[in-house]
Structure formats: C-alpha cells, structure tokens
C-alpha cells in the first residue's frame, strides 16, 4: 500500500506503471537527469526547467511518484525530488542503466 504521500512500497512497483511514466518525454527527461545526479541528490521540481505550467509540472511529478520512480518531500515552501535508485535497482535490475545510456 502506498504511503500517505503516494509513494508505493518497492514490492508494489509495477513495470507497466514505470514504463508508462517513462513513455512521456518530459518525465523521461526528469528521470534521465536524476540518474546523472549523485546518489541521494535532492532537487526542486522547478530545477528541471521543463517549460510547462505549474499544474502540468505537478501532474508529471505525481505520475513519477505514483509509479515509484521518485520520492518527493516538502521542504519549507518547495518540494524536493529524489530518484529511488536503490529500490529501482532491486525491483527492476538494469532499468536505470538503460536510462543512463540515453544520456551518452
């Protein structure tokens, strides 16, 4: 069962939901940038410069969060996002390597 913020437990992450989230180029850009960051790095949602409205940005991050790709937490007046690297590597071995290859 997902926590109060909509983060699924690792065993609840579904490949279909992950692939659906990654099918969108803007969401894939977010995950690709996070893969290139240091492990555990936190970024604000606005730091990705996606060029969309705030409501659209909220939608994209909700999809990523509910698929289990990212962890979001409120820090004051901003929301920070972190890649769920360890959980993703355990649940879907090799997935992040494929995404990292898109950077190269």
PDB file of N, CA and C in Angstrom:
ATOM      1  N   UNK A   1       0.841  -1.182   0.000  1.00  0.00           N
ATOM      2  CA  UNK A   1       0.000   0.000   0.000  1.00  0.00           C
ATOM      3  C   UNK A   1       0.885   1.245   0.000  1.00  0.00           C
ATOM      4  N   UNK A   2       0.518   2.197  -0.809  1.00  0.00           N
ATOM      5  CA  UNK A   2       1.283   3.445  -0.900  1.00  0.00           C
ATOM      6  C   UNK A   2       1.203   4.202   0.421  1.00  0.00           C
ATOM      7  N   UNK A   3       2.249   4.979   0.714  1.00  0.00           N
ATOM      8  CA  UNK A   3       2.236   5.783   1.935  1.00  0.00           C
ATOM      9  C   UNK A   3       1.316   6.989   1.762  1.00  0.00           C
ATOM     10  N   UNK A   4       1.243   7.835   2.790  1.00  0.00           N
ATOM     11  CA  UNK A   4       0.320   8.978   2.765  1.00  0.00           C
ATOM     12  C   UNK A   4       0.642   9.992   1.677  1.00  0.00           C
ATOM     13  N   UNK A   5       1.852   9.944   1.120  1.00  0.00           N
ATOM     14  CA  UNK A   5       2.236  10.859   0.043  1.00  0.00           C
ATOM     15  C   UNK A   5       2.158  10.217  -1.338  1.00  0.00           C
ATOM     16  N   UNK A   6       1.671   8.988  -1.416  1.00  0.00           N
ATOM     17  CA  UNK A   6       1.508   8.322  -2.702  1.00  0.00           C
ATOM     18  C   UNK A   6       2.723   7.572  -3.195  1.00  0.00           C
ATOM     19  N   UNK A   7       3.692   7.308  -2.317  1.00  0.00           N
ATOM     20  CA  UNK A   7       4.880   6.540  -2.703  1.00  0.00           C
ATOM     21  C   UNK A   7       4.600   5.057  -2.495  1.00  0.00           C
ATOM     22  N   UNK A   8       4.626   4.254  -3.559  1.00  0.00           N
ATOM     23  CA  UNK A   8       4.385   2.822  -3.372  1.00  0.00           C
ATOM     24  C   UNK A   8       5.578   2.146  -2.699  1.00  0.00           C
ATOM     25  N   UNK A   9       5.294   1.066  -1.999  1.00  0.00           N
ATOM     26  CA  UNK A   9       6.369   0.234  -1.461  1.00  0.00           C
ATOM     27  C   UNK A   9       7.076  -0.422  -2.648  1.00  0.00           C
ATOM     28  N   UNK A  10       8.367  -0.749  -2.511  1.00  0.00           N
ATOM     29  CA  UNK A  10       9.095  -1.339  -3.647  1.00  0.00           C
ATOM     30  C   UNK A  10       8.408  -2.560  -4.256  1.00  0.00           C
ATOM     31  N   UNK A  11       7.861  -3.433  -3.415  1.00  0.00           N
ATOM     32  CA  UNK A  11       7.210  -4.637  -3.949  1.00  0.00           C
ATOM     33  C   UNK A  11       5.905  -4.317  -4.672  1.00  0.00           C
ATOM     34  N   UNK A  12       5.388  -3.105  -4.504  1.00  0.00           N
ATOM     35  CA  UNK A  12       4.164  -2.687  -5.188  1.00  0.00           C
ATOM     36  C   UNK A  12       4.434  -1.996  -6.521  1.00  0.00           C
ATOM     37  N   UNK A  13       5.685  -1.667  -6.794  1.00  0.00           N
ATOM     38  CA  UNK A  13       6.018  -1.010  -8.059  1.00  0.00           C
ATOM     39  C   UNK A  13       5.724  -1.975  -9.207  1.00  0.00           C
ATOM     40  N   UNK A  14       4.980  -1.489 -10.185  1.00  0.00           N
ATOM     41  CA  UNK A  14       4.598  -2.309 -11.329  1.00  0.00           C
ATOM     42  C   UNK A  14       5.343  -1.844 -12.573  1.00  0.00           C
ATOM     43  N   UNK A  15       5.884  -2.792 -13.325  1.00  0.00           N
ATOM     44  CA  UNK A  15       6.640  -2.455 -14.522  1.00  0.00           C
ATOM     45  C   UNK A  15       5.800  -1.645 -15.502  1.00  0.00           C
ATOM     46  N   UNK A  16       4.535  -1.988 -15.648  1.00  0.00           N
ATOM     47  CA  UNK A  16       3.664  -1.252 -16.564  1.00  0.00           C
ATOM     48  C   UNK A  16       3.539   0.215 -16.192  1.00  0.00           C
ATOM     49  N   UNK A  17       3.374   0.495 -14.902  1.00  0.00           N
ATOM     50  CA  UNK A  17       3.263   1.885 -14.445  1.00  0.00           C
ATOM     51  C   UNK A  17       4.574   2.630 -14.647  1.00  0.00           C
ATOM     52  N   UNK A  18       5.693   1.956 -14.392  1.00  0.00           N
ATOM     53  CA  UNK A  18       7.011   2.572 -14.582  1.00  0.00           C
ATOM     54  C   UNK A  18       7.234   2.891 -16.057  1.00  0.00           C
ATOM     55  N   UNK A  19       6.940   1.932 -16.929  1.00  0.00           N
ATOM     56  CA  UNK A  19       7.146   2.147 -18.361  1.00  0.00           C
ATOM     57  C   UNK A  19       6.198   3.220 -18.901  1.00  0.00           C
ATOM     58  N   UNK A  20       4.974   3.241 -18.400  1.00  0.00           N
ATOM     59  CA  UNK A  20       4.021   4.272 -18.816  1.00  0.00           C
ATOM     60  C   UNK A  20       4.514   5.655 -18.401  1.00  0.00           C
ATOM     61  N   UNK A  21       5.042   5.757 -17.189  1.00  0.00           N
ATOM     62  CA  UNK A  21       5.582   7.040 -16.725  1.00  0.00           C
ATOM     63  C   UNK A  21       6.761   7.469 -17.586  1.00  0.00           C
ATOM     64  N   UNK A  22       7.605   6.519 -17.958  1.00  0.00           N
ATOM     65  CA  UNK A  22       8.795   6.833 -18.754  1.00  0.00           C
ATOM     66  C   UNK A  22       8.487   7.068 -20.231  1.00  0.00           C
ATOM     67  N   UNK A  23       7.277   6.728 -20.667  1.00  0.00           N
ATOM     68  CA  UNK A  23       6.916   6.914 -22.075  1.00  0.00           C
ATOM     69  C   UNK A  23       6.802   8.390 -22.440  1.00  0.00           C
ATOM     70  N   UNK A  24       6.507   9.224 -21.465  1.00  0.00           N
ATOM     71  CA  UNK A  24       6.392  10.657 -21.726  1.00  0.00           C
ATOM     72  C   UNK A  24       7.788  11.278 -21.761  1.00  0.00           C
ATOM     73  N   UNK A  25       8.122  12.044 -22.809  1.00  0.00           N
ATOM     74  CA  UNK A  25       9.471  12.605 -22.924  1.00  0.00           C
ATOM     75  C   UNK A  25       9.860  13.557 -21.789  1.00  0.00           C
ATOM     76  N   UNK A  26       8.914  14.309 -21.251  1.00  0.00           N
ATOM     77  CA  UNK A  26       9.251  15.220 -20.152  1.00  0.00           C
ATOM     78  C   UNK A  26       9.566  14.448 -18.873  1.00  0.00           C
ATOM     79  N   UNK A  27       8.773  13.423 -18.596  1.00  0.00           N
ATOM     80  CA  UNK A  27       9.047  12.617 -17.403  1.00  0.00           C
ATOM     81  C   UNK A  27      10.338  11.827 -17.569  1.00  0.00           C
ATOM     82  N   UNK A  28      10.593  11.350 -18.774  1.00  0.00           N
ATOM     83  CA  UNK A  28      11.849  10.630 -19.029  1.00  0.00           C
ATOM     84  C   UNK A  28      13.037  11.569 -18.858  1.00  0.00           C
ATOM     85  N   UNK A  29      12.887  12.833 -19.253  1.00  0.00           N
ATOM     86  CA  UNK A  29      13.951  13.832 -19.071  1.00  0.00           C
ATOM     87  C   UNK A  29      14.261  14.008 -17.586  1.00  0.00           C
ATOM     88  N   UNK A  30      13.225  14.086 -16.761  1.00  0.00           N
ATOM     89  CA  UNK A  30      13.421  14.229 -15.313  1.00  0.00           C
ATOM     90  C   UNK A  30      14.213  13.044 -14.774  1.00  0.00           C
ATOM     91  N   UNK A  31      13.784  11.839 -15.107  1.00  0.00           N
ATOM     92  CA  UNK A  31      14.458  10.641 -14.592  1.00  0.00           C
ATOM     93  C   UNK A  31      15.873  10.546 -15.144  1.00  0.00           C
ATOM     94  N   UNK A  32      16.063  10.879 -16.406  1.00  0.00           N
ATOM     95  CA  UNK A  32      17.399  10.847 -17.001  1.00  0.00           C
ATOM     96  C   UNK A  32      18.336  11.808 -16.278  1.00  0.00           C
ATOM     97  N   UNK A  33      17.846  13.000 -15.961  1.00  0.00           N
ATOM     98  CA  UNK A  33      18.680  13.955 -15.221  1.00  0.00           C
ATOM     99  C   UNK A  33      18.986  13.442 -13.818  1.00  0.00           C
ATOM    100  N   UNK A  34      18.003  12.840 -13.164  1.00  0.00           N
ATOM    101  CA  UNK A  34      18.227  12.310 -11.819  1.00  0.00           C
ATOM    102  C   UNK A  34      19.222  11.149 -11.835  1.00  0.00           C
ATOM    103  N   UNK A  35      19.168  10.319 -12.869  1.00  0.00           N
ATOM    104  CA  UNK A  35      20.130   9.212 -12.993  1.00  0.00           C
ATOM    105  C   UNK A  35      21.544   9.766 -13.077  1.00  0.00           C
ATOM    106  N   UNK A  36      21.717  10.904 -13.746  1.00  0.00           N
ATOM    107  CA  UNK A  36      23.034  11.519 -13.885  1.00  0.00           C
ATOM    108  C   UNK A  36      23.520  12.234 -12.638  1.00  0.00           C
ATOM    109  N   UNK A  37      22.616  12.494 -11.682  1.00  0.00           N
ATOM    110  CA  UNK A  37      22.992  13.158 -10.429  1.00  0.00           C
ATOM    111  C   UNK A  37      23.629  12.158  -9.468  1.00  0.00           C
ATOM    112  N   UNK A  38      24.270  12.690  -8.434  1.00  0.00           N
ATOM    113  CA  UNK A  38      24.828  11.838  -7.382  1.00  0.00           C
ATOM    114  C   UNK A  38      23.710  11.080  -6.684  1.00  0.00           C
ATOM    115  N   UNK A  39      24.044   9.918  -6.152  1.00  0.00           N
ATOM    116  CA  UNK A  39      23.082   9.107  -5.418  1.00  0.00           C
ATOM    117  C   UNK A  39      22.556   9.897  -4.221  1.00  0.00           C
ATOM    118  N   UNK A  40      21.246   9.959  -4.074  1.00  0.00           N
ATOM    119  CA  UNK A  40      20.628  10.669  -2.962  1.00  0.00           C
ATOM    120  C   UNK A  40      20.462  12.161  -3.166  1.00  0.00           C
ATOM    121  N   UNK A  41      20.865  12.666  -4.326  1.00  0.00           N
ATOM    122  CA  UNK A  41      20.752  14.105  -4.591  1.00  0.00           C
ATOM    123  C   UNK A  41      19.283  14.524  -4.601  1.00  0.00           C
ATOM    124  N   UNK A  42      18.994  15.647  -3.956  1.00  0.00           N
ATOM    125  CA  UNK A  42      17.653  16.227  -3.950  1.00  0.00           C
ATOM    126  C   UNK A  42      17.629  17.435  -4.869  1.00  0.00           C
ATOM    127  N   UNK A  43      16.544  17.547  -5.628  1.00  0.00           N
ATOM    128  CA  UNK A  43      16.362  18.714  -6.493  1.00  0.00           C
ATOM    129  C   UNK A  43      14.950  19.226  -6.343  1.00  0.00           C
ATOM    130  N   UNK A  44      14.780  20.511  -6.605  1.00  0.00           N
ATOM    131  CA  UNK A  44      13.423  21.048  -6.625  1.00  0.00           C
ATOM    132  C   UNK A  44      12.787  20.677  -7.958  1.00  0.00           C
ATOM    133  N   UNK A  45      11.488  20.595  -7.960  1.00  0.00           N
ATOM    134  CA  UNK A  45      10.772  20.257  -9.195  1.00  0.00           C
ATOM    135  C   UNK A  45      11.019  21.296 -10.284  1.00  0.00           C
ATOM    136  N   UNK A  46      11.170  22.558  -9.884  1.00  0.00           N
ATOM    137  CA  UNK A  46      11.386  23.631 -10.859  1.00  0.00           C
ATOM    138  C   UNK A  46      12.779  23.582 -11.484  1.00  0.00           C
ATOM    139  N   UNK A  47      13.721  22.880 -10.871  1.00  0.00           N
ATOM    140  CA  UNK A  47      15.099  22.866 -11.370  1.00  0.00           C
ATOM    141  C   UNK A  47      15.244  22.136 -12.704  1.00  0.00           C
ATOM    142  N   UNK A  48      14.224  21.400 -13.107  1.00  0.00           N
ATOM    143  CA  UNK A  48      14.316  20.637 -14.352  1.00  0.00           C
ATOM    144  C   UNK A  48      13.992  21.478 -15.582  1.00  0.00           C
ATOM    145  N   UNK A  49      13.454  22.669 -15.384  1.00  0.00           N
ATOM    146  CA  UNK A  49      13.168  23.606 -16.476  1.00  0.00           C
ATOM    147  C   UNK A  49      12.447  22.927 -17.645  1.00  0.00           C
ATOM    148  N   UNK A  50      11.281  22.374 -17.349  1.00  0.00           N
ATOM    149  CA  UNK A  50      10.522  21.650 -18.368  1.00  0.00           C
ATOM    150  C   UNK A  50       9.696  22.558 -19.268  1.00  0.00           C
ATOM    151  N   UNK A  51       9.523  23.815 -18.881  1.00  0.00           N
ATOM    152  CA  UNK A  51       8.789  24.748 -19.733  1.00  0.00           C
ATOM    153  C   UNK A  51       7.300  24.482 -19.792  1.00  0.00           C
ATOM    154  N   UNK A  52       6.724  24.009 -18.688  1.00  0.00           N
ATOM    155  CA  UNK A  52       5.286  23.743 -18.630  1.00  0.00           C
ATOM    156  C   UNK A  52       4.698  24.512 -17.450  1.00  0.00           C
ATOM    157  N   UNK A  53       3.377  24.594 -17.409  1.00  0.00           N
ATOM    158  CA  UNK A  53       2.713  25.285 -16.307  1.00  0.00           C
ATOM    159  C   UNK A  53       2.917  24.524 -15.000  1.00  0.00           C
ATOM    160  N   UNK A  54       2.673  25.213 -13.906  1.00  0.00           N
ATOM    161  CA  UNK A  54       2.839  24.592 -12.589  1.00  0.00           C
ATOM    162  C   UNK A  54       1.908  23.389 -12.422  1.00  0.00           C
ATOM    163  N   UNK A  55       0.681  23.503 -12.923  1.00  0.00           N
ATOM    164  CA  UNK A  55      -0.259  22.381 -12.798  1.00  0.00           C
ATOM    165  C   UNK A  55       0.197  21.177 -13.621  1.00  0.00           C
ATOM    166  N   UNK A  56       0.761  21.424 -14.788  1.00  0.00           N
ATOM    167  CA  UNK A  56       1.286  20.329 -15.609  1.00  0.00           C
ATOM    168  C   UNK A  56       2.504  19.703 -14.945  1.00  0.00           C
ATOM    169  N   UNK A  57       3.345  20.530 -14.364  1.00  0.00           N
ATOM    170  CA  UNK A  57       4.511  20.038 -13.631  1.00  0.00           C
ATOM    171  C   UNK A  57       4.066  19.144 -12.472  1.00  0.00           C
ATOM    172  N   UNK A  58       3.059  19.590 -11.743  1.00  0.00           N
ATOM    173  CA  UNK A  58       2.514  18.802 -10.635  1.00  0.00           C
ATOM    174  C   UNK A  58       2.019  17.453 -11.130  1.00  0.00           C
ATOM    175  N   UNK A  59       1.327  17.448 -12.265  1.00  0.00           N
ATOM    176  CA  UNK A  59       0.829  16.199 -12.844  1.00  0.00           C
ATOM    177  C   UNK A  59       1.978  15.241 -13.160  1.00  0.00           C
ATOM    178  N   UNK A  60       3.006  15.729 -13.838  1.00  0.00           N
ATOM    179  CA  UNK A  60       4.121  14.865 -14.232  1.00  0.00           C
ATOM    180  C   UNK A  60       4.827  14.274 -13.014  1.00  0.00           C
ATOM    181  N   UNK A  61       5.038  15.073 -11.984  1.00  0.00           N
ATOM    182  CA  UNK A  61       5.706  14.552 -10.791  1.00  0.00           C
ATOM    183  C   UNK A  61       4.813  13.599 -10.006  1.00  0.00           C
ATOM    184  N   UNK A  62       3.501  13.793 -10.066  1.00  0.00           N
ATOM    185  CA  UNK A  62       2.586  12.841  -9.428  1.00  0.00           C
ATOM    186  C   UNK A  62       2.678  11.486 -10.117  1.00  0.00           C
ATOM    187  N   UNK A  63       2.715  11.483 -11.444  1.00  0.00           N
ATOM    188  CA  UNK A  63       2.834  10.227 -12.193  1.00  0.00           C
ATOM    189  C   UNK A  63       4.145   9.522 -11.844  1.00  0.00           C
ATOM    190  N   UNK A  64       5.241  10.268 -11.796  1.00  0.00           N
ATOM    191  CA  UNK A  64       6.539   9.683 -11.443  1.00  0.00           C
ATOM    192  C   UNK A  64       6.526   9.128 -10.021  1.00  0.00           C
ATOM    193  N   UNK A  65       5.926   9.873  -9.107  1.00  0.00           N
ATOM    194  CA  UNK A  65       5.855   9.448  -7.702  1.00  0.00           C
ATOM    195  C   UNK A  65       4.998   8.195  -7.554  1.00  0.00           C
ATOM    196  N   UNK A  66       3.821   8.188  -8.167  1.00  0.00           N
ATOM    197  CA  UNK A  66       2.913   7.051  -8.033  1.00  0.00           C
ATOM    198  C   UNK A  66       3.441   5.797  -8.716  1.00  0.00           C
ATOM    199  N   UNK A  67       4.293   5.959  -9.729  1.00  0.00           N
ATOM    200  CA  UNK A  67       4.927   4.805 -10.373  1.00  0.00           C
ATOM    201  C   UNK A  67       6.072   4.258  -9.524  1.00  0.00           C
ATOM    202  N   UNK A  68       6.558   5.067  -8.587  1.00  0.00           N
ATOM    203  CA  UNK A  68       7.653   4.638  -7.724  1.00  0.00           C
ATOM    204  C   UNK A  68       9.025   5.064  -8.197  1.00  0.00           C
ATOM    205  N   UNK A  69       9.083   5.902  -9.210  1.00  0.00           N
ATOM    206  CA  UNK A  69      10.376   6.328  -9.745  1.00  0.00           C
ATOM    207  C   UNK A  69      11.066   7.366  -8.874  1.00  0.00           C
ATOM    208  N   UNK A  70      10.288   8.224  -8.239  1.00  0.00           N
ATOM    209  CA  UNK A  70      10.879   9.292  -7.426  1.00  0.00           C
ATOM    210  C   UNK A  70      10.228   9.326  -6.053  1.00  0.00           C
ATOM    211  N   UNK A  71      10.956   9.924  -5.129  1.00  0.00           N
ATOM    212  CA  UNK A  71      10.455  10.199  -3.791  1.00  0.00           C
ATOM    213  C   UNK A  71      10.364  11.708  -3.674  1.00  0.00           C
ATOM    214  N   UNK A  72       9.208  12.221  -3.246  1.00  0.00           N
ATOM    215  CA  UNK A  72       9.020  13.660  -3.085  1.00  0.00           C
ATOM    216  C   UNK A  72       8.752  13.983  -1.626  1.00  0.00           C
ATOM    217  N   UNK A  73       9.317  15.092  -1.181  1.00  0.00           N
ATOM    218  CA  UNK A  73       9.095  15.549   0.187  1.00  0.00           C
ATOM    219  C   UNK A  73       9.028  17.073   0.188  1.00  0.00           C
ATOM    220  N   UNK A  74       8.136  17.605   1.006  1.00  0.00           N
ATOM    221  CA  UNK A  74       8.033  19.058   1.144  1.00  0.00           C
ATOM    222  C   UNK A  74       9.126  19.550   2.076  1.00  0.00           C
ATOM    223  N   UNK A  75       9.841  20.581   1.640  1.00  0.00           N
ATOM    224  CA  UNK A  75      10.879  21.222   2.444  1.00  0.00           C
ATOM    225  C   UNK A  75      10.570  22.718   2.452  1.00  0.00           C
ATOM    226  N   UNK A  76       9.894  23.155   3.490  1.00  0.00           N
ATOM    227  CA  UNK A  76       9.509  24.562   3.545  1.00  0.00           C
ATOM    228  C   UNK A  76       8.491  24.874   2.470  1.00  0.00           C
ATOM    229  N   UNK A  77       8.816  25.845   1.627  1.00  0.00           N
ATOM    230  CA  UNK A  77       7.882  26.236   0.566  1.00  0.00           C
ATOM    231  C   UNK A  77       8.234  25.616  -0.780  1.00  0.00           C
ATOM    232  N   UNK A  78       9.057  24.585  -0.774  1.00  0.00           N
ATOM    233  CA  UNK A  78       9.372  23.901  -2.035  1.00  0.00           C
ATOM    234  C   UNK A  78       9.234  22.396  -1.846  1.00  0.00           C
ATOM    235  N   UNK A  79       9.162  21.715  -2.935  1.00  0.00           N
ATOM    236  CA  UNK A  79       9.059  20.262  -2.925  1.00  0.00           C
ATOM    237  C   UNK A  79      10.328  19.712  -3.547  1.00  0.00           C
ATOM    238  N   UNK A  80      10.974  18.804  -2.832  1.00  0.00           N
ATOM    239  CA  UNK A  80      12.221  18.191  -3.300  1.00  0.00           C
ATOM    240  C   UNK A  80      11.925  16.806  -3.862  1.00  0.00           C
ATOM    241  N   UNK A  81      12.684  16.438  -4.861  1.00  0.00           N
ATOM    242  CA  UNK A  81      12.509  15.145  -5.507  1.00  0.00           C
ATOM    243  C   UNK A  81      13.852  14.415  -5.535  1.00  0.00           C
ATOM    244  N   UNK A  82      13.789  13.113  -5.286  1.00  0.00           N
ATOM    245  CA  UNK A  82      14.966  12.249  -5.285  1.00  0.00           C
ATOM    246  C   UNK A  82      14.632  10.985  -6.061  1.00  0.00           C
ATOM    247  N   UNK A  83      15.570  10.493  -6.838  1.00  0.00           N
ATOM    248  CA  UNK A  83      15.396   9.230  -7.545  1.00  0.00           C
ATOM    249  C   UNK A  83      15.425   8.085  -6.541  1.00  0.00           C
ATOM    250  N   UNK A  84      14.536   7.141  -6.679  1.00  0.00           N
ATOM    251  CA  UNK A  84      14.518   5.969  -5.797  1.00  0.00           C
ATOM    252  C   UNK A  84      15.460   4.905  -6.371  1.00  0.00           C
ATOM    253  N   UNK A  85      16.711   5.263  -6.435  1.00  0.00           N
ATOM    254  CA  UNK A  85      17.737   4.468  -7.117  1.00  0.00           C
ATOM    255  C   UNK A  85      17.850   3.044  -6.559  1.00  0.00           C
ATOM    256  N   UNK A  86      18.024   2.916  -5.255  1.00  0.00           N
ATOM    257  CA  UNK A  86      18.219   1.590  -4.667  1.00  0.00           C
ATOM    258  C   UNK A  86      17.001   0.697  -4.892  1.00  0.00           C
ATOM    259  N   UNK A  87      15.811   1.239  -4.633  1.00  0.00           N
ATOM    260  CA  UNK A  87      14.594   0.449  -4.809  1.00  0.00           C
ATOM    261  C   UNK A  87      14.400   0.038  -6.263  1.00  0.00           C
ATOM    262  N   UNK A  88      14.683   0.953  -7.188  1.00  0.00           N
ATOM    263  CA  UNK A  88      14.529   0.637  -8.609  1.00  0.00           C
ATOM    264  C   UNK A  88      15.541  -0.409  -9.056  1.00  0.00           C
ATOM    265  N   UNK A  89      16.775  -0.300  -8.576  1.00  0.00           N
ATOM    266  CA  UNK A  89      17.788  -1.295  -8.941  1.00  0.00           C
ATOM    267  C   UNK A  89      17.444  -2.676  -8.404  1.00  0.00           C
ATOM    268  N   UNK A  90      16.834  -2.724  -7.225  1.00  0.00           N
ATOM    269  CA  UNK A  90      16.439  -4.015  -6.661  1.00  0.00           C
ATOM    270  C   UNK A  90      15.222  -4.589  -7.373  1.00  0.00           C
ATOM    271  N   UNK A  91      14.251  -3.751  -7.666  1.00  0.00           N
ATOM    272  CA  UNK A  91      12.989  -4.217  -8.258  1.00  0.00           C
ATOM    273  C   UNK A  91      13.117  -4.475  -9.755  1.00  0.00           C
ATOM    274  N   UNK A  92      13.842  -3.601 -10.455  1.00  0.00           N
ATOM    275  CA  UNK A  92      13.986  -3.704 -11.914  1.00  0.00           C
ATOM    276  C   UNK A  92      15.462  -3.585 -12.288  1.00  0.00           C
ATOM    277  N   UNK A  93      16.249  -4.634 -12.047  1.00  0.00           N
ATOM    278  CA  UNK A  93      17.688  -4.562 -12.334  1.00  0.00           C
ATOM    279  C   UNK A  93      17.952  -4.186 -13.797  1.00  0.00           C
ATOM    280  N   UNK A  94      18.852  -3.236 -13.991  1.00  0.00           N
ATOM    281  CA  UNK A  94      19.243  -2.826 -15.336  1.00  0.00           C
ATOM    282  C   UNK A  94      18.437  -1.674 -15.905  1.00  0.00           C
ATOM    283  N   UNK A  95      17.296  -1.360 -15.315  1.00  0.00           N
ATOM    284  CA  UNK A  95      16.449  -0.287 -15.855  1.00  0.00           C
ATOM    285  C   UNK A  95      17.170   1.055 -15.843  1.00  0.00           C
ATOM    286  N   UNK A  96      17.787   1.396 -14.730  1.00  0.00           N
ATOM    287  CA  UNK A  96      18.469   2.691 -14.646  1.00  0.00           C
ATOM    288  C   UNK A  96      19.687   2.742 -15.560  1.00  0.00           C
ATOM    289  N   UNK A  97      20.324   1.594 -15.799  1.00  0.00           N
ATOM    290  CA  UNK A  97      21.436   1.552 -16.756  1.00  0.00           C
ATOM    291  C   UNK A  97      20.945   1.886 -18.162  1.00  0.00           C
ATOM    292  N   UNK A  98      19.782   1.368 -18.527  1.00  0.00           N
ATOM    293  CA  UNK A  98      19.204   1.690 -19.842  1.00  0.00           C
ATOM    294  C   UNK A  98      18.911   3.178 -19.956  1.00  0.00           C
ATOM    295  N   UNK A  99      18.378   3.745 -18.888  1.00  0.00           N
ATOM    296  CA  UNK A  99      18.078   5.179 -18.893  1.00  0.00           C
ATOM    297  C   UNK A  99      19.367   5.984 -18.956  1.00  0.00           C
ATOM    298  N   UNK A 100      20.390   5.549 -18.226  1.00  0.00           N
ATOM    299  CA  UNK A 100      21.686   6.245 -18.236  1.00  0.00           C
ATOM    300  C   UNK A 100      22.299   6.232 -19.629  1.00  0.00           C
ATOM    301  N   UNK A 101      22.087   5.166 -20.384  1.00  0.00           N
ATOM    302  CA  UNK A 101      22.622   5.087 -21.748  1.00  0.00           C
ATOM    303  C   UNK A 101      22.011   6.138 -22.656  1.00  0.00           C
ATOM    304  N   UNK A 102      20.825   6.625 -22.311  1.00  0.00           N
ATOM    305  CA  UNK A 102      20.189   7.677 -23.103  1.00  0.00           C
ATOM    306  C   UNK A 102      20.961   8.989 -22.976  1.00  0.00           C
ATOM    307  N   UNK A 103      21.690   9.163 -21.870  1.00  0.00           N
ATOM    308  CA  UNK A 103      22.491  10.366 -21.653  1.00  0.00           C
ATOM    309  C   UNK A 103      23.684  10.386 -22.594  1.00  0.00           C
ATOM    310  N   UNK A 104      24.271   9.239 -22.827  1.00  0.00           N
ATOM    311  CA  UNK A 104      25.513   9.139 -23.609  1.00  0.00           C
ATOM    312  C   UNK A 104      25.307   9.358 -25.075  1.00  0.00           C
TER     313      UNK A 104
END
